[in-house]
């Protein structure tokens, strides 16, 4: 299974995205950005990869700038 890490430019955008995803009943949690991922903000959202296309659509529709990183489990 893989994990999706979504990074943002600010903590404000992380909180806004978290609220939006929860509104659509998409499981997610706010975590510190993993060290191997570059981000302007120190926090990110982690979710499962099954939803990353829907998440991309929702965040773009609501003008929330983001980067999606799909991490493969080993």
N, C-alpha and C. Protein backbone atom coordinates (compact mmCIF):
# COMPACT_ATOMS: atom_id res chain seq x y z
N UNK A 1 0.84 -1.18 0.00
CA UNK A 1 0.00 0.00 0.00
C UNK A 1 0.89 1.24 0.00
N UNK A 2 0.39 2.31 -0.63
CA UNK A 2 1.16 3.54 -0.66
C UNK A 2 0.44 4.63 0.12
N UNK A 3 1.20 5.65 0.44
CA UNK A 3 0.70 6.78 1.22
C UNK A 3 0.84 8.05 0.40
N UNK A 4 -0.10 8.95 0.56
CA UNK A 4 -0.01 10.25 -0.11
C UNK A 4 0.33 11.31 0.92
N UNK A 5 1.36 12.10 0.61
CA UNK A 5 1.77 13.23 1.43
C UNK A 5 1.47 14.49 0.62
N UNK A 6 0.69 15.40 1.20
CA UNK A 6 0.33 16.63 0.51
C UNK A 6 0.98 17.79 1.25
N UNK A 7 1.82 18.54 0.54
CA UNK A 7 2.51 19.67 1.15
C UNK A 7 1.88 20.99 0.69
N UNK A 8 2.10 22.01 1.50
CA UNK A 8 1.47 23.32 1.28
C UNK A 8 2.47 24.42 1.57
N UNK A 9 2.11 25.66 1.22
CA UNK A 9 3.00 26.80 1.45
C UNK A 9 2.90 27.36 2.87
N UNK A 10 1.80 27.05 3.57
CA UNK A 10 1.65 27.60 4.92
C UNK A 10 0.79 26.68 5.79
N UNK A 11 0.93 26.84 7.09
CA UNK A 11 0.12 26.06 8.02
C UNK A 11 -1.36 26.40 7.83
N UNK A 12 -1.65 27.64 7.49
CA UNK A 12 -3.04 28.06 7.24
C UNK A 12 -3.66 27.21 6.13
N UNK A 13 -2.90 26.96 5.06
CA UNK A 13 -3.40 26.14 3.95
C UNK A 13 -3.57 24.68 4.37
N UNK A 14 -2.69 24.19 5.24
CA UNK A 14 -2.81 22.82 5.75
C UNK A 14 -4.14 22.67 6.50
N UNK A 15 -4.43 23.62 7.37
CA UNK A 15 -5.65 23.56 8.18
C UNK A 15 -6.89 23.70 7.30
N UNK A 16 -6.83 24.59 6.32
CA UNK A 16 -7.95 24.77 5.39
C UNK A 16 -8.20 23.49 4.59
N UNK A 17 -7.14 22.86 4.10
CA UNK A 17 -7.26 21.62 3.32
C UNK A 17 -7.78 20.48 4.20
N UNK A 18 -7.29 20.39 5.42
CA UNK A 18 -7.74 19.36 6.34
C UNK A 18 -9.25 19.46 6.57
N UNK A 19 -9.74 20.67 6.81
CA UNK A 19 -11.17 20.88 7.03
C UNK A 19 -11.97 20.51 5.79
N UNK A 20 -11.47 20.86 4.61
CA UNK A 20 -12.17 20.55 3.37
C UNK A 20 -12.24 19.03 3.16
N UNK A 21 -11.13 18.34 3.34
CA UNK A 21 -11.10 16.89 3.13
C UNK A 21 -12.01 16.17 4.12
N UNK A 22 -12.01 16.62 5.35
CA UNK A 22 -12.90 16.01 6.36
C UNK A 22 -14.37 16.27 6.02
N UNK A 23 -14.66 17.41 5.44
CA UNK A 23 -16.02 17.72 5.01
C UNK A 23 -16.50 16.70 3.98
N UNK A 24 -15.58 16.21 3.14
CA UNK A 24 -15.89 15.19 2.14
C UNK A 24 -15.63 13.78 2.66
N UNK A 25 -15.44 13.65 3.96
CA UNK A 25 -15.22 12.38 4.64
C UNK A 25 -14.03 11.60 4.09
N UNK A 26 -12.97 12.33 3.77
CA UNK A 26 -11.72 11.72 3.32
C UNK A 26 -10.80 11.65 4.53
N UNK A 27 -10.38 10.44 4.90
CA UNK A 27 -9.49 10.26 6.05
C UNK A 27 -8.16 10.94 5.76
N UNK A 28 -7.72 11.77 6.70
CA UNK A 28 -6.43 12.41 6.58
C UNK A 28 -5.95 12.82 7.97
N UNK A 29 -4.66 13.05 8.07
CA UNK A 29 -4.13 13.56 9.34
C UNK A 29 -2.98 14.52 9.05
N UNK A 30 -2.86 15.50 9.91
CA UNK A 30 -1.79 16.48 9.80
C UNK A 30 -0.56 15.94 10.52
N UNK A 31 0.58 15.95 9.81
CA UNK A 31 1.83 15.44 10.37
C UNK A 31 2.97 16.39 10.01
N UNK A 32 4.11 16.28 10.68
CA UNK A 32 5.30 17.03 10.24
C UNK A 32 5.75 16.52 8.87
N UNK A 33 6.28 17.40 8.05
CA UNK A 33 6.77 17.00 6.73
C UNK A 33 7.96 16.06 6.91
N UNK A 34 7.93 14.87 6.27
CA UNK A 34 9.08 13.96 6.35
C UNK A 34 10.35 14.65 5.83
N UNK A 35 11.47 14.31 6.41
CA UNK A 35 12.75 14.95 6.08
C UNK A 35 13.16 14.86 4.63
N UNK A 36 12.73 13.82 3.93
CA UNK A 36 13.16 13.65 2.54
C UNK A 36 12.27 14.40 1.54
N UNK A 37 11.27 15.12 2.04
CA UNK A 37 10.38 15.91 1.18
C UNK A 37 10.60 17.38 1.47
N UNK A 38 10.77 18.18 0.43
CA UNK A 38 10.98 19.61 0.58
C UNK A 38 9.64 20.33 0.67
N UNK A 39 9.54 21.27 1.60
CA UNK A 39 8.30 22.02 1.77
C UNK A 39 8.61 23.36 2.42
N UNK A 40 7.87 24.39 2.03
CA UNK A 40 8.02 25.70 2.65
C UNK A 40 7.43 25.71 4.05
N UNK A 41 6.48 24.82 4.29
CA UNK A 41 5.77 24.73 5.56
C UNK A 41 6.23 23.46 6.27
N UNK A 42 6.28 23.46 7.56
CA UNK A 42 6.74 22.29 8.30
C UNK A 42 5.70 21.22 8.53
N UNK A 43 4.45 21.48 8.13
CA UNK A 43 3.37 20.51 8.33
C UNK A 43 2.81 20.08 6.97
N UNK A 44 2.20 18.89 6.95
CA UNK A 44 1.61 18.37 5.72
C UNK A 44 0.42 17.50 6.08
N UNK A 45 -0.25 17.00 5.07
CA UNK A 45 -1.36 16.08 5.28
C UNK A 45 -0.97 14.72 4.72
N UNK A 46 -1.26 13.68 5.51
CA UNK A 46 -1.04 12.30 5.09
C UNK A 46 -2.39 11.63 4.90
N UNK A 47 -2.54 10.89 3.82
CA UNK A 47 -3.75 10.13 3.56
C UNK A 47 -3.38 8.92 2.73
N UNK A 48 -4.35 8.03 2.47
CA UNK A 48 -4.01 6.89 1.63
C UNK A 48 -4.07 7.30 0.17
N UNK A 49 -3.39 6.58 -0.68
CA UNK A 49 -3.24 6.97 -2.07
C UNK A 49 -4.46 6.69 -2.93
N UNK A 50 -5.43 5.97 -2.40
CA UNK A 50 -6.63 5.68 -3.19
C UNK A 50 -7.38 6.95 -3.56
N UNK A 51 -7.20 8.01 -2.80
CA UNK A 51 -7.98 9.23 -2.99
C UNK A 51 -7.22 10.37 -3.66
N UNK A 52 -5.99 10.17 -4.11
CA UNK A 52 -5.20 11.34 -4.48
C UNK A 52 -5.76 12.12 -5.68
N UNK A 53 -6.43 11.49 -6.62
CA UNK A 53 -7.01 12.24 -7.74
C UNK A 53 -8.20 13.08 -7.28
N UNK A 54 -9.04 12.53 -6.42
CA UNK A 54 -10.16 13.29 -5.87
C UNK A 54 -9.64 14.45 -5.03
N UNK A 55 -8.63 14.20 -4.23
CA UNK A 55 -8.04 15.25 -3.40
C UNK A 55 -7.47 16.36 -4.27
N UNK A 56 -6.75 16.00 -5.31
CA UNK A 56 -6.18 17.00 -6.23
C UNK A 56 -7.30 17.88 -6.80
N UNK A 57 -8.39 17.23 -7.22
CA UNK A 57 -9.52 17.96 -7.78
C UNK A 57 -10.13 18.92 -6.75
N UNK A 58 -10.40 18.43 -5.54
CA UNK A 58 -11.03 19.26 -4.51
C UNK A 58 -10.16 20.45 -4.12
N UNK A 59 -8.87 20.21 -3.91
CA UNK A 59 -7.98 21.29 -3.51
C UNK A 59 -7.83 22.34 -4.62
N UNK A 60 -7.75 21.88 -5.85
CA UNK A 60 -7.64 22.81 -6.97
C UNK A 60 -8.93 23.62 -7.13
N UNK A 61 -10.05 22.94 -7.01
CA UNK A 61 -11.35 23.61 -7.13
C UNK A 61 -11.51 24.72 -6.08
N UNK A 62 -10.94 24.51 -4.90
CA UNK A 62 -11.04 25.49 -3.82
C UNK A 62 -9.81 26.40 -3.73
N UNK A 63 -8.99 26.39 -4.78
CA UNK A 63 -7.83 27.28 -4.91
C UNK A 63 -6.84 27.15 -3.76
N UNK A 64 -6.61 25.90 -3.35
CA UNK A 64 -5.62 25.63 -2.31
C UNK A 64 -4.38 25.05 -3.00
N UNK A 65 -3.31 25.85 -3.06
CA UNK A 65 -2.09 25.40 -3.71
C UNK A 65 -1.46 24.28 -2.90
N UNK A 66 -1.00 23.25 -3.61
CA UNK A 66 -0.48 22.06 -2.94
C UNK A 66 0.44 21.29 -3.87
N UNK A 67 1.16 20.35 -3.29
CA UNK A 67 1.96 19.37 -4.02
C UNK A 67 1.64 18.01 -3.45
N UNK A 68 1.41 17.05 -4.34
CA UNK A 68 1.08 15.70 -3.90
C UNK A 68 2.25 14.78 -4.17
N UNK A 69 2.66 14.04 -3.14
CA UNK A 69 3.75 13.07 -3.22
C UNK A 69 3.19 11.70 -2.84
N UNK A 70 3.26 10.75 -3.77
CA UNK A 70 2.80 9.39 -3.47
C UNK A 70 4.03 8.57 -3.10
N UNK A 71 4.02 8.03 -1.88
CA UNK A 71 5.14 7.24 -1.37
C UNK A 71 4.78 5.76 -1.39
N UNK A 72 5.62 4.96 -1.99
CA UNK A 72 5.41 3.52 -2.04
C UNK A 72 5.94 2.87 -0.77
N UNK A 73 5.17 1.98 -0.18
CA UNK A 73 5.62 1.24 0.99
C UNK A 73 6.55 0.12 0.54
N UNK A 74 7.51 -0.19 1.40
CA UNK A 74 8.44 -1.28 1.06
C UNK A 74 8.20 -2.48 1.93
